[in-house]
Amino acid sequence: NTSPTFPWYITGLVLQWMKAEGGLSEFARRNAEKARLLYECIDDSPWFENRIDPRYRSRMNVVFQCYDPQHEALFLQQAAEAGLVGLKGHRTVGGCRASIYNAMPLTGVQALIECMQAFSP
C-alpha cells in the first residue's frame, strides 16, 4: 500500500499554520465571532432571514434566504459584482450559503455583511 503522503503533507502545513495563529482556542474564538456578526446581520435585515433555530445554527456554513425569493438572483448578482462568489445555496434547497471555515478571514465576512446591508432590490 502507498500511503497518502500528499494529504498528510498538506494537513501538516495546515496544522502548523493553525498552531502559529494561536491554536484551536483562537480558531474557536474567531469562528464564533465571524458567525455572530453574520447572524446578527441576517437577523436584523429587512431583506434576509435564517429559519434555523439559533441553538442549531452552524458556525461554518451560514444559510439564509431572501424574504422574497425573487430577490435572491439579484442579491447573488450584486454579491458577485462585489467579488463575493460561491454564495448560492444547494440546488435542491435553494437560498444562500456562506461557508466561513477557518481560512475565511474576518474581513471576508465583513465584506459580505457590507454587501448584505447595501442590498436594496
Foldseek 3Di string as FASTA:
>chain_A
DDDPVVVVVVVVVVQVVCVVVPHDVVLVVQLVVLQVVLQVLQVPDPFKHDPDDPVPADSFKGWMATPDNVCQVVLQVLCVVLVHDDQFDDPVPTGGIDGCPSVRGSVNSVSVSVSRVPDDD
